[in-house]
């Protein structure tokens, strides 16, 4: 099973209301919150777009909520200085294509 197939399977479980799948996305949100706080040590963040297939469907809002909770609780100064955004489904797909097209060649 490829990673994309695994993601699709777990997203299906999330859509079905499986509490274990909900916890996966909440964990991703916690990691996102800590990662953003770390990036804020090096970059002046104001607006952060959460993109990618993992943010599709019900998962995106869970990630966003948990990341905001971590920032508010652990890094209030960072939380006050940035806004997390979750574009609509169509914009997320277009955003992925734009981001991929702008990557430098290795």
PDB file of N, CA and C in Angstrom:
ATOM      1  N   UNK A   1       0.848  -1.177   0.000  1.00  0.00           N
ATOM      2  CA  UNK A   1       0.000   0.000   0.000  1.00  0.00           C
ATOM      3  C   UNK A   1       0.896   1.242   0.000  1.00  0.00           C
ATOM      4  N   UNK A   2       0.661   2.148  -0.930  1.00  0.00           N
ATOM      5  CA  UNK A   2       1.465   3.371  -1.006  1.00  0.00           C
ATOM      6  C   UNK A   2       1.048   4.340   0.100  1.00  0.00           C
ATOM      7  N   UNK A   3       1.878   5.349   0.333  1.00  0.00           N
ATOM      8  CA  UNK A   3       1.528   6.358   1.335  1.00  0.00           C
ATOM      9  C   UNK A   3       0.228   7.064   0.978  1.00  0.00           C
ATOM     10  N   UNK A   4       0.034   7.352  -0.316  1.00  0.00           N
ATOM     11  CA  UNK A   4      -1.204   8.009  -0.754  1.00  0.00           C
ATOM     12  C   UNK A   4      -2.418   7.125  -0.467  1.00  0.00           C
ATOM     13  N   UNK A   5      -2.268   5.831  -0.676  1.00  0.00           N
ATOM     14  CA  UNK A   5      -3.368   4.897  -0.397  1.00  0.00           C
ATOM     15  C   UNK A   5      -3.640   4.805   1.106  1.00  0.00           C
ATOM     16  N   UNK A   6      -2.590   4.833   1.895  1.00  0.00           N
ATOM     17  CA  UNK A   6      -2.757   4.809   3.351  1.00  0.00           C
ATOM     18  C   UNK A   6      -3.492   6.057   3.824  1.00  0.00           C
ATOM     19  N   UNK A   7      -3.081   7.202   3.277  1.00  0.00           N
ATOM     20  CA  UNK A   7      -3.739   8.454   3.646  1.00  0.00           C
ATOM     21  C   UNK A   7      -5.217   8.402   3.279  1.00  0.00           C
ATOM     22  N   UNK A   8      -5.508   7.951   2.080  1.00  0.00           N
ATOM     23  CA  UNK A   8      -6.902   7.860   1.631  1.00  0.00           C
ATOM     24  C   UNK A   8      -7.707   6.933   2.549  1.00  0.00           C
ATOM     25  N   UNK A   9      -7.111   5.817   2.954  1.00  0.00           N
ATOM     26  CA  UNK A   9      -7.786   4.880   3.851  1.00  0.00           C
ATOM     27  C   UNK A   9      -8.101   5.546   5.190  1.00  0.00           C
ATOM     28  N   UNK A  10      -7.096   6.196   5.775  1.00  0.00           N
ATOM     29  CA  UNK A  10      -7.298   6.812   7.087  1.00  0.00           C
ATOM     30  C   UNK A  10      -8.264   7.996   6.981  1.00  0.00           C
ATOM     31  N   UNK A  11      -8.228   8.728   5.861  1.00  0.00           N
ATOM     32  CA  UNK A  11      -9.204   9.797   5.666  1.00  0.00           C
ATOM     33  C   UNK A  11     -10.619   9.228   5.592  1.00  0.00           C
ATOM     34  N   UNK A  12     -10.762   8.068   5.000  1.00  0.00           N
ATOM     35  CA  UNK A  12     -12.062   7.399   4.982  1.00  0.00           C
ATOM     36  C   UNK A  12     -12.536   7.050   6.381  1.00  0.00           C
ATOM     37  N   UNK A  13     -11.608   6.599   7.217  1.00  0.00           N
ATOM     38  CA  UNK A  13     -11.943   6.301   8.611  1.00  0.00           C
ATOM     39  C   UNK A  13     -12.333   7.582   9.344  1.00  0.00           C
ATOM     40  N   UNK A  14     -11.638   8.675   9.054  1.00  0.00           N
ATOM     41  CA  UNK A  14     -11.966   9.963   9.670  1.00  0.00           C
ATOM     42  C   UNK A  14     -13.379  10.387   9.277  1.00  0.00           C
ATOM     43  N   UNK A  15     -13.689  10.283   7.996  1.00  0.00           N
ATOM     44  CA  UNK A  15     -15.025  10.638   7.509  1.00  0.00           C
ATOM     45  C   UNK A  15     -16.107   9.765   8.146  1.00  0.00           C
ATOM     46  N   UNK A  16     -15.744   8.535   8.500  1.00  0.00           N
ATOM     47  CA  UNK A  16     -16.692   7.611   9.129  1.00  0.00           C
ATOM     48  C   UNK A  16     -16.822   7.852  10.636  1.00  0.00           C
ATOM     49  N   UNK A  17     -16.035   8.798  11.161  1.00  0.00           N
ATOM     50  CA  UNK A  17     -16.122   9.133  12.578  1.00  0.00           C
ATOM     51  C   UNK A  17     -15.275   8.278  13.500  1.00  0.00           C
ATOM     52  N   UNK A  18     -14.308   7.555  12.959  1.00  0.00           N
ATOM     53  CA  UNK A  18     -13.427   6.709  13.770  1.00  0.00           C
ATOM     54  C   UNK A  18     -12.584   7.596  14.693  1.00  0.00           C
ATOM     55  N   UNK A  19     -12.731   7.390  16.001  1.00  0.00           N
ATOM     56  CA  UNK A  19     -12.022   8.216  16.986  1.00  0.00           C
ATOM     57  C   UNK A  19     -10.506   8.089  16.862  1.00  0.00           C
ATOM     58  N   UNK A  20     -10.040   6.925  16.431  1.00  0.00           N
ATOM     59  CA  UNK A  20      -8.591   6.738  16.256  1.00  0.00           C
ATOM     60  C   UNK A  20      -8.069   7.638  15.146  1.00  0.00           C
ATOM     61  N   UNK A  21      -8.841   7.777  14.085  1.00  0.00           N
ATOM     62  CA  UNK A  21      -8.441   8.656  12.983  1.00  0.00           C
ATOM     63  C   UNK A  21      -8.463  10.113  13.434  1.00  0.00           C
ATOM     64  N   UNK A  22      -9.458  10.479  14.231  1.00  0.00           N
ATOM     65  CA  UNK A  22      -9.520  11.850  14.762  1.00  0.00           C
ATOM     66  C   UNK A  22      -8.249  12.152  15.544  1.00  0.00           C
ATOM     67  N   UNK A  23      -7.802  11.199  16.344  1.00  0.00           N
ATOM     68  CA  UNK A  23      -6.583  11.400  17.141  1.00  0.00           C
ATOM     69  C   UNK A  23      -5.345  11.556  16.264  1.00  0.00           C
ATOM     70  N   UNK A  24      -5.313  10.889  15.125  1.00  0.00           N
ATOM     71  CA  UNK A  24      -4.188  11.064  14.197  1.00  0.00           C
ATOM     72  C   UNK A  24      -4.122  12.515  13.753  1.00  0.00           C
ATOM     73  N   UNK A  25      -5.254  13.073  13.334  1.00  0.00           N
ATOM     74  CA  UNK A  25      -5.251  14.457  12.843  1.00  0.00           C
ATOM     75  C   UNK A  25      -5.000  15.454  13.971  1.00  0.00           C
ATOM     76  N   UNK A  26      -5.487  15.161  15.146  1.00  0.00           N
ATOM     77  CA  UNK A  26      -5.181  16.045  16.281  1.00  0.00           C
ATOM     78  C   UNK A  26      -3.682  16.030  16.566  1.00  0.00           C
ATOM     79  N   UNK A  27      -3.073  14.863  16.481  1.00  0.00           N
ATOM     80  CA  UNK A  27      -1.619  14.765  16.691  1.00  0.00           C
ATOM     81  C   UNK A  27      -0.857  15.558  15.638  1.00  0.00           C
ATOM     82  N   UNK A  28      -1.308  15.473  14.400  1.00  0.00           N
ATOM     83  CA  UNK A  28      -0.673  16.263  13.334  1.00  0.00           C
ATOM     84  C   UNK A  28      -0.769  17.745  13.676  1.00  0.00           C
ATOM     85  N   UNK A  29      -1.915  18.172  14.181  1.00  0.00           N
ATOM     86  CA  UNK A  29      -2.092  19.570  14.564  1.00  0.00           C
ATOM     87  C   UNK A  29      -1.153  19.996  15.678  1.00  0.00           C
ATOM     88  N   UNK A  30      -0.942  19.112  16.649  1.00  0.00           N
ATOM     89  CA  UNK A  30      -0.005  19.414  17.736  1.00  0.00           C
ATOM     90  C   UNK A  30       1.402  19.585  17.171  1.00  0.00           C
ATOM     91  N   UNK A  31       1.816  18.656  16.326  1.00  0.00           N
ATOM     92  CA  UNK A  31       3.135  18.775  15.694  1.00  0.00           C
ATOM     93  C   UNK A  31       3.232  20.059  14.880  1.00  0.00           C
ATOM     94  N   UNK A  32       2.151  20.408  14.175  1.00  0.00           N
ATOM     95  CA  UNK A  32       2.148  21.633  13.376  1.00  0.00           C
ATOM     96  C   UNK A  32       2.335  22.853  14.272  1.00  0.00           C
ATOM     97  N   UNK A  33       1.659  22.885  15.392  1.00  0.00           N
ATOM     98  CA  UNK A  33       1.795  24.013  16.314  1.00  0.00           C
ATOM     99  C   UNK A  33       3.223  24.191  16.797  1.00  0.00           C
ATOM    100  N   UNK A  34       3.848  23.107  17.213  1.00  0.00           N
ATOM    101  CA  UNK A  34       5.235  23.191  17.678  1.00  0.00           C
ATOM    102  C   UNK A  34       6.190  23.537  16.538  1.00  0.00           C
ATOM    103  N   UNK A  35       5.937  22.992  15.358  1.00  0.00           N
ATOM    104  CA  UNK A  35       6.794  23.303  14.205  1.00  0.00           C
ATOM    105  C   UNK A  35       6.702  24.781  13.843  1.00  0.00           C
ATOM    106  N   UNK A  36       5.499  25.329  13.849  1.00  0.00           N
ATOM    107  CA  UNK A  36       5.339  26.750  13.524  1.00  0.00           C
ATOM    108  C   UNK A  36       6.041  27.632  14.550  1.00  0.00           C
ATOM    109  N   UNK A  37       5.959  27.255  15.818  1.00  0.00           N
ATOM    110  CA  UNK A  37       6.659  28.023  16.851  1.00  0.00           C
ATOM    111  C   UNK A  37       8.162  27.989  16.604  1.00  0.00           C
ATOM    112  N   UNK A  38       8.671  26.848  16.188  1.00  0.00           N
ATOM    113  CA  UNK A  38      10.099  26.736  15.884  1.00  0.00           C
ATOM    114  C   UNK A  38      10.463  27.605  14.679  1.00  0.00           C
ATOM    115  N   UNK A  39       9.666  27.543  13.624  1.00  0.00           N
ATOM    116  CA  UNK A  39       9.923  28.389  12.451  1.00  0.00           C
ATOM    117  C   UNK A  39       9.891  29.865  12.831  1.00  0.00           C
ATOM    118  N   UNK A  40       9.020  30.218  13.756  1.00  0.00           N
ATOM    119  CA  UNK A  40       8.904  31.621  14.176  1.00  0.00           C
ATOM    120  C   UNK A  40      10.174  32.113  14.867  1.00  0.00           C
ATOM    121  N   UNK A  41      11.018  31.191  15.315  1.00  0.00           N
ATOM    122  CA  UNK A  41      12.319  31.587  15.870  1.00  0.00           C
ATOM    123  C   UNK A  41      13.238  32.142  14.786  1.00  0.00           C
ATOM    124  N   UNK A  42      12.991  31.775  13.542  1.00  0.00           N
ATOM    125  CA  UNK A  42      13.874  32.144  12.437  1.00  0.00           C
ATOM    126  C   UNK A  42      13.229  33.049  11.398  1.00  0.00           C
ATOM    127  N   UNK A  43      11.923  33.001  11.294  1.00  0.00           N
ATOM    128  CA  UNK A  43      11.210  33.766  10.271  1.00  0.00           C
ATOM    129  C   UNK A  43      10.105  34.587  10.919  1.00  0.00           C
ATOM    130  N   UNK A  44       9.833  35.747  10.341  1.00  0.00           N
ATOM    131  CA  UNK A  44       8.729  36.573  10.814  1.00  0.00           C
ATOM    132  C   UNK A  44       7.446  36.092  10.123  1.00  0.00           C
ATOM    133  N   UNK A  45       6.694  35.290  10.814  1.00  0.00           N
ATOM    134  CA  UNK A  45       5.469  34.725  10.250  1.00  0.00           C
ATOM    135  C   UNK A  45       4.287  35.638  10.568  1.00  0.00           C
ATOM    136  N   UNK A  46       3.455  35.864   9.564  1.00  0.00           N
ATOM    137  CA  UNK A  46       2.230  36.638   9.777  1.00  0.00           C
ATOM    138  C   UNK A  46       1.007  35.817   9.396  1.00  0.00           C
ATOM    139  N   UNK A  47       1.058  35.228   8.224  1.00  0.00           N
ATOM    140  CA  UNK A  47      -0.036  34.398   7.725  1.00  0.00           C
ATOM    141  C   UNK A  47       0.553  33.069   7.267  1.00  0.00           C
ATOM    142  N   UNK A  48      -0.063  31.987   7.692  1.00  0.00           N
ATOM    143  CA  UNK A  48       0.398  30.653   7.321  1.00  0.00           C
ATOM    144  C   UNK A  48      -0.761  29.910   6.668  1.00  0.00           C
ATOM    145  N   UNK A  49      -0.532  29.454   5.438  1.00  0.00           N
ATOM    146  CA  UNK A  49      -1.523  28.648   4.728  1.00  0.00           C
ATOM    147  C   UNK A  49      -1.228  27.177   4.978  1.00  0.00           C
ATOM    148  N   UNK A  50      -2.211  26.449   5.424  1.00  0.00           N
ATOM    149  CA  UNK A  50      -2.070  25.009   5.602  1.00  0.00           C
ATOM    150  C   UNK A  50      -2.576  24.344   4.333  1.00  0.00           C
ATOM    151  N   UNK A  51      -1.666  23.695   3.619  1.00  0.00           N
ATOM    152  CA  UNK A  51      -1.991  23.082   2.335  1.00  0.00           C
ATOM    153  C   UNK A  51      -1.615  21.610   2.345  1.00  0.00           C
ATOM    154  N   UNK A  52      -2.061  20.903   1.346  1.00  0.00           N
ATOM    155  CA  UNK A  52      -1.675  19.512   1.174  1.00  0.00           C
ATOM    156  C   UNK A  52      -2.853  18.576   1.323  1.00  0.00           C
ATOM    157  N   UNK A  53      -2.679  17.393   0.786  1.00  0.00           N
ATOM    158  CA  UNK A  53      -3.761  16.402   0.780  1.00  0.00           C
ATOM    159  C   UNK A  53      -4.227  16.048   2.183  1.00  0.00           C
ATOM    160  N   UNK A  54      -3.321  16.073   3.146  1.00  0.00           N
ATOM    161  CA  UNK A  54      -3.684  15.717   4.516  1.00  0.00           C
ATOM    162  C   UNK A  54      -4.674  16.717   5.114  1.00  0.00           C
ATOM    163  N   UNK A  55      -4.756  17.927   4.542  1.00  0.00           N
ATOM    164  CA  UNK A  55      -5.697  18.931   5.043  1.00  0.00           C
ATOM    165  C   UNK A  55      -7.062  18.834   4.381  1.00  0.00           C
ATOM    166  N   UNK A  56      -7.222  17.910   3.439  1.00  0.00           N
ATOM    167  CA  UNK A  56      -8.502  17.761   2.745  1.00  0.00           C
ATOM    168  C   UNK A  56      -9.578  17.223   3.681  1.00  0.00           C
ATOM    169  N   UNK A  57     -10.807  17.574   3.386  1.00  0.00           N
ATOM    170  CA  UNK A  57     -11.943  17.049   4.138  1.00  0.00           C
ATOM    171  C   UNK A  57     -11.961  17.507   5.579  1.00  0.00           C
ATOM    172  N   UNK A  58     -12.337  16.581   6.462  1.00  0.00           N
ATOM    173  CA  UNK A  58     -12.490  16.886   7.885  1.00  0.00           C
ATOM    174  C   UNK A  58     -11.151  17.105   8.598  1.00  0.00           C
ATOM    175  N   UNK A  59     -10.068  16.639   8.003  1.00  0.00           N
ATOM    176  CA  UNK A  59      -8.771  16.711   8.666  1.00  0.00           C
ATOM    177  C   UNK A  59      -8.208  18.110   8.805  1.00  0.00           C
ATOM    178  N   UNK A  60      -8.397  18.936   7.798  1.00  0.00           N
ATOM    179  CA  UNK A  60      -7.841  20.288   7.819  1.00  0.00           C
ATOM    180  C   UNK A  60      -8.253  21.096   9.035  1.00  0.00           C
ATOM    181  N   UNK A  61      -9.552  21.204   9.308  1.00  0.00           N
ATOM    182  CA  UNK A  61      -9.966  21.959  10.492  1.00  0.00           C
ATOM    183  C   UNK A  61      -9.431  21.379  11.800  1.00  0.00           C
ATOM    184  N   UNK A  62      -9.301  20.056  11.887  1.00  0.00           N
ATOM    185  CA  UNK A  62      -8.735  19.456  13.101  1.00  0.00           C
ATOM    186  C   UNK A  62      -7.283  19.873  13.290  1.00  0.00           C
ATOM    187  N   UNK A  63      -6.509  19.834  12.214  1.00  0.00           N
ATOM    188  CA  UNK A  63      -5.107  20.252  12.280  1.00  0.00           C
ATOM    189  C   UNK A  63      -5.023  21.711  12.705  1.00  0.00           C
ATOM    190  N   UNK A  64      -5.812  22.556  12.067  1.00  0.00           N
ATOM    191  CA  UNK A  64      -5.795  23.990  12.362  1.00  0.00           C
ATOM    192  C   UNK A  64      -6.157  24.247  13.825  1.00  0.00           C
ATOM    193  N   UNK A  65      -7.222  23.631  14.314  1.00  0.00           N
ATOM    194  CA  UNK A  65      -7.658  23.839  15.700  1.00  0.00           C
ATOM    195  C   UNK A  65      -6.591  23.423  16.703  1.00  0.00           C
ATOM    196  N   UNK A  66      -6.004  22.270  16.492  1.00  0.00           N
ATOM    197  CA  UNK A  66      -4.991  21.789  17.435  1.00  0.00           C
ATOM    198  C   UNK A  66      -3.730  22.641  17.389  1.00  0.00           C
ATOM    199  N   UNK A  67      -3.326  23.059  16.203  1.00  0.00           N
ATOM    200  CA  UNK A  67      -2.147  23.928  16.084  1.00  0.00           C
ATOM    201  C   UNK A  67      -2.392  25.247  16.810  1.00  0.00           C
ATOM    202  N   UNK A  68      -3.579  25.807  16.643  1.00  0.00           N
ATOM    203  CA  UNK A  68      -3.904  27.061  17.331  1.00  0.00           C
ATOM    204  C   UNK A  68      -3.919  26.881  18.845  1.00  0.00           C
ATOM    205  N   UNK A  69      -4.412  25.739  19.327  1.00  0.00           N
ATOM    206  CA  UNK A  69      -4.415  25.469  20.770  1.00  0.00           C
ATOM    207  C   UNK A  69      -2.997  25.421  21.324  1.00  0.00           C
ATOM    208  N   UNK A  70      -2.114  24.713  20.623  1.00  0.00           N
ATOM    209  CA  UNK A  70      -0.723  24.606  21.070  1.00  0.00           C
ATOM    210  C   UNK A  70      -0.073  25.982  21.104  1.00  0.00           C
ATOM    211  N   UNK A  71      -0.266  26.747  20.039  1.00  0.00           N
ATOM    212  CA  UNK A  71       0.340  28.076  19.987  1.00  0.00           C
ATOM    213  C   UNK A  71      -0.190  28.960  21.114  1.00  0.00           C
ATOM    214  N   UNK A  72      -1.495  28.950  21.336  1.00  0.00           N
ATOM    215  CA  UNK A  72      -2.086  29.791  22.383  1.00  0.00           C
ATOM    216  C   UNK A  72      -1.598  29.388  23.774  1.00  0.00           C
ATOM    217  N   UNK A  73      -1.487  28.097  24.014  1.00  0.00           N
ATOM    218  CA  UNK A  73      -1.107  27.594  25.337  1.00  0.00           C
ATOM    219  C   UNK A  73       0.393  27.711  25.597  1.00  0.00           C
ATOM    220  N   UNK A  74       1.202  27.317  24.624  1.00  0.00           N
ATOM    221  CA  UNK A  74       2.646  27.220  24.831  1.00  0.00           C
ATOM    222  C   UNK A  74       3.441  28.420  24.324  1.00  0.00           C
ATOM    223  N   UNK A  75       2.915  29.101  23.302  1.00  0.00           N
ATOM    224  CA  UNK A  75       3.647  30.186  22.652  1.00  0.00           C
ATOM    225  C   UNK A  75       2.707  31.363  22.382  1.00  0.00           C
ATOM    226  N   UNK A  76       2.167  31.989  23.431  1.00  0.00           N
ATOM    227  CA  UNK A  76       1.160  33.035  23.228  1.00  0.00           C
ATOM    228  C   UNK A  76       1.644  34.215  22.392  1.00  0.00           C
ATOM    229  N   UNK A  77       2.908  34.557  22.484  1.00  0.00           N
ATOM    230  CA  UNK A  77       3.434  35.660  21.674  1.00  0.00           C
ATOM    231  C   UNK A  77       3.388  35.302  20.198  1.00  0.00           C
ATOM    232  N   UNK A  78       3.756  34.084  19.881  1.00  0.00           N
ATOM    233  CA  UNK A  78       3.689  33.614  18.492  1.00  0.00           C
ATOM    234  C   UNK A  78       2.232  33.555  18.046  1.00  0.00           C
ATOM    235  N   UNK A  79       1.367  33.029  18.901  1.00  0.00           N
ATOM    236  CA  UNK A  79      -0.056  32.921  18.555  1.00  0.00           C
ATOM    237  C   UNK A  79      -0.655  34.283  18.240  1.00  0.00           C
ATOM    238  N   UNK A  80      -0.224  35.312  18.960  1.00  0.00           N
ATOM    239  CA  UNK A  80      -0.742  36.667  18.724  1.00  0.00           C
ATOM    240  C   UNK A  80      -0.213  37.281  17.440  1.00  0.00           C
ATOM    241  N   UNK A  81       0.902  36.763  16.935  1.00  0.00           N
ATOM    242  CA  UNK A  81       1.536  37.401  15.775  1.00  0.00           C
ATOM    243  C   UNK A  81       1.219  36.728  14.445  1.00  0.00           C
ATOM    244  N   UNK A  82       0.634  35.529  14.470  1.00  0.00           N
ATOM    245  CA  UNK A  82       0.348  34.848  13.204  1.00  0.00           C
ATOM    246  C   UNK A  82      -1.121  34.435  13.120  1.00  0.00           C
ATOM    247  N   UNK A  83      -1.566  34.273  11.901  1.00  0.00           N
ATOM    248  CA  UNK A  83      -2.911  33.770  11.628  1.00  0.00           C
ATOM    249  C   UNK A  83      -2.776  32.554  10.729  1.00  0.00           C
ATOM    250  N   UNK A  84      -3.408  31.469  11.132  1.00  0.00           N
ATOM    251  CA  UNK A  84      -3.400  30.253  10.321  1.00  0.00           C
ATOM    252  C   UNK A  84      -4.619  30.271   9.408  1.00  0.00           C
ATOM    253  N   UNK A  85      -4.411  29.864   8.168  1.00  0.00           N
ATOM    254  CA  UNK A  85      -5.488  29.864   7.181  1.00  0.00           C
ATOM    255  C   UNK A  85      -5.609  28.480   6.557  1.00  0.00           C
ATOM    256  N   UNK A  86      -6.826  28.100   6.291  1.00  0.00           N
ATOM    257  CA  UNK A  86      -7.127  26.847   5.618  1.00  0.00           C
ATOM    258  C   UNK A  86      -8.009  27.182   4.423  1.00  0.00           C
ATOM    259  N   UNK A  87      -7.414  27.260   3.235  1.00  0.00           N
ATOM    260  CA  UNK A  87      -8.205  27.611   2.052  1.00  0.00           C
ATOM    261  C   UNK A  87      -9.266  26.552   1.759  1.00  0.00           C
ATOM    262  N   UNK A  88     -10.237  26.917   0.921  1.00  0.00           N
ATOM    263  CA  UNK A  88     -11.249  25.941   0.524  1.00  0.00           C
ATOM    264  C   UNK A  88     -10.589  24.840  -0.307  1.00  0.00           C
ATOM    265  N   UNK A  89     -11.314  23.749  -0.523  1.00  0.00           N
ATOM    266  CA  UNK A  89     -10.756  22.568  -1.204  1.00  0.00           C
ATOM    267  C   UNK A  89     -10.143  22.900  -2.565  1.00  0.00           C
ATOM    268  N   UNK A  90     -10.843  23.664  -3.369  1.00  0.00           N
ATOM    269  CA  UNK A  90     -10.344  23.979  -4.714  1.00  0.00           C
ATOM    270  C   UNK A  90      -9.047  24.786  -4.640  1.00  0.00           C
ATOM    271  N   UNK A  91      -9.028  25.775  -3.766  1.00  0.00           N
ATOM    272  CA  UNK A  91      -7.826  26.605  -3.625  1.00  0.00           C
ATOM    273  C   UNK A  91      -6.647  25.785  -3.125  1.00  0.00           C
ATOM    274  N   UNK A  92      -6.916  24.807  -2.255  1.00  0.00           N
ATOM    275  CA  UNK A  92      -5.834  23.953  -1.755  1.00  0.00           C
ATOM    276  C   UNK A  92      -5.197  23.174  -2.892  1.00  0.00           C
ATOM    277  N   UNK A  93      -6.013  22.650  -3.782  1.00  0.00           N
ATOM    278  CA  UNK A  93      -5.484  21.861  -4.905  1.00  0.00           C
ATOM    279  C   UNK A  93      -4.669  22.746  -5.840  1.00  0.00           C
ATOM    280  N   UNK A  94      -5.173  23.938  -6.144  1.00  0.00           N
ATOM    281  CA  UNK A  94      -4.439  24.871  -7.008  1.00  0.00           C
ATOM    282  C   UNK A  94      -3.153  25.301  -6.308  1.00  0.00           C
ATOM    283  N   UNK A  95      -3.243  25.559  -5.011  1.00  0.00           N
ATOM    284  CA  UNK A  95      -2.066  25.972  -4.246  1.00  0.00           C
ATOM    285  C   UNK A  95      -0.968  24.936  -4.269  1.00  0.00           C
ATOM    286  N   UNK A  96      -1.339  23.669  -4.215  1.00  0.00           N
ATOM    287  CA  UNK A  96      -0.348  22.598  -4.279  1.00  0.00           C
ATOM    288  C   UNK A  96       0.370  22.623  -5.620  1.00  0.00           C
ATOM    289  N   UNK A  97      -0.382  22.828  -6.688  1.00  0.00           N
ATOM    290  CA  UNK A  97       0.217  22.853  -8.024  1.00  0.00           C
ATOM    291  C   UNK A  97       1.170  24.033  -8.163  1.00  0.00           C
ATOM    292  N   UNK A  98       0.772  25.186  -7.656  1.00  0.00           N
ATOM    293  CA  UNK A  98       1.629  26.376  -7.726  1.00  0.00           C
ATOM    294  C   UNK A  98       2.895  26.155  -6.911  1.00  0.00           C
ATOM    295  N   UNK A  99       2.742  25.620  -5.709  1.00  0.00           N
ATOM    296  CA  UNK A  99       3.911  25.370  -4.860  1.00  0.00           C
ATOM    297  C   UNK A  99       4.864  24.383  -5.519  1.00  0.00           C
ATOM    298  N   UNK A 100       4.331  23.324  -6.091  1.00  0.00           N
ATOM    299  CA  UNK A 100       5.176  22.326  -6.752  1.00  0.00           C
ATOM    300  C   UNK A 100       5.894  22.923  -7.953  1.00  0.00           C
ATOM    301  N   UNK A 101       5.214  23.763  -8.711  1.00  0.00           N
ATOM    302  CA  UNK A 101       5.820  24.372  -9.898  1.00  0.00           C
ATOM    303  C   UNK A 101       6.911  25.370  -9.534  1.00  0.00           C
ATOM    304  N   UNK A 102       6.851  25.916  -8.318  1.00  0.00           N
ATOM    305  CA  UNK A 102       7.832  26.933  -7.934  1.00  0.00           C
ATOM    306  C   UNK A 102       9.058  26.357  -7.232  1.00  0.00           C
ATOM    307  N   UNK A 103       9.087  25.049  -7.015  1.00  0.00           N
ATOM    308  CA  UNK A 103      10.244  24.440  -6.352  1.00  0.00           C
ATOM    309  C   UNK A 103      11.468  24.484  -7.264  1.00  0.00           C
ATOM    310  N   UNK A 104      12.634  24.792  -6.697  1.00  0.00           N
ATOM    311  CA  UNK A 104      13.850  24.812  -7.520  1.00  0.00           C
ATOM    312  C   UNK A 104      14.292  23.397  -7.888  1.00  0.00           C
ATOM    313  N   UNK A 105      14.996  23.280  -8.976  1.00  0.00           N
ATOM    314  CA  UNK A 105      15.556  21.988  -9.381  1.00  0.00           C
ATOM    315  C   UNK A 105      16.704  21.626  -8.462  1.00  0.00           C
ATOM    316  N   UNK A 106      16.839  20.359  -8.169  1.00  0.00           N
ATOM    317  CA  UNK A 106      17.946  19.906  -7.307  1.00  0.00           C
ATOM    318  C   UNK A 106      19.088  19.381  -8.140  1.00  0.00           C
TER     319      UNK A 106
END
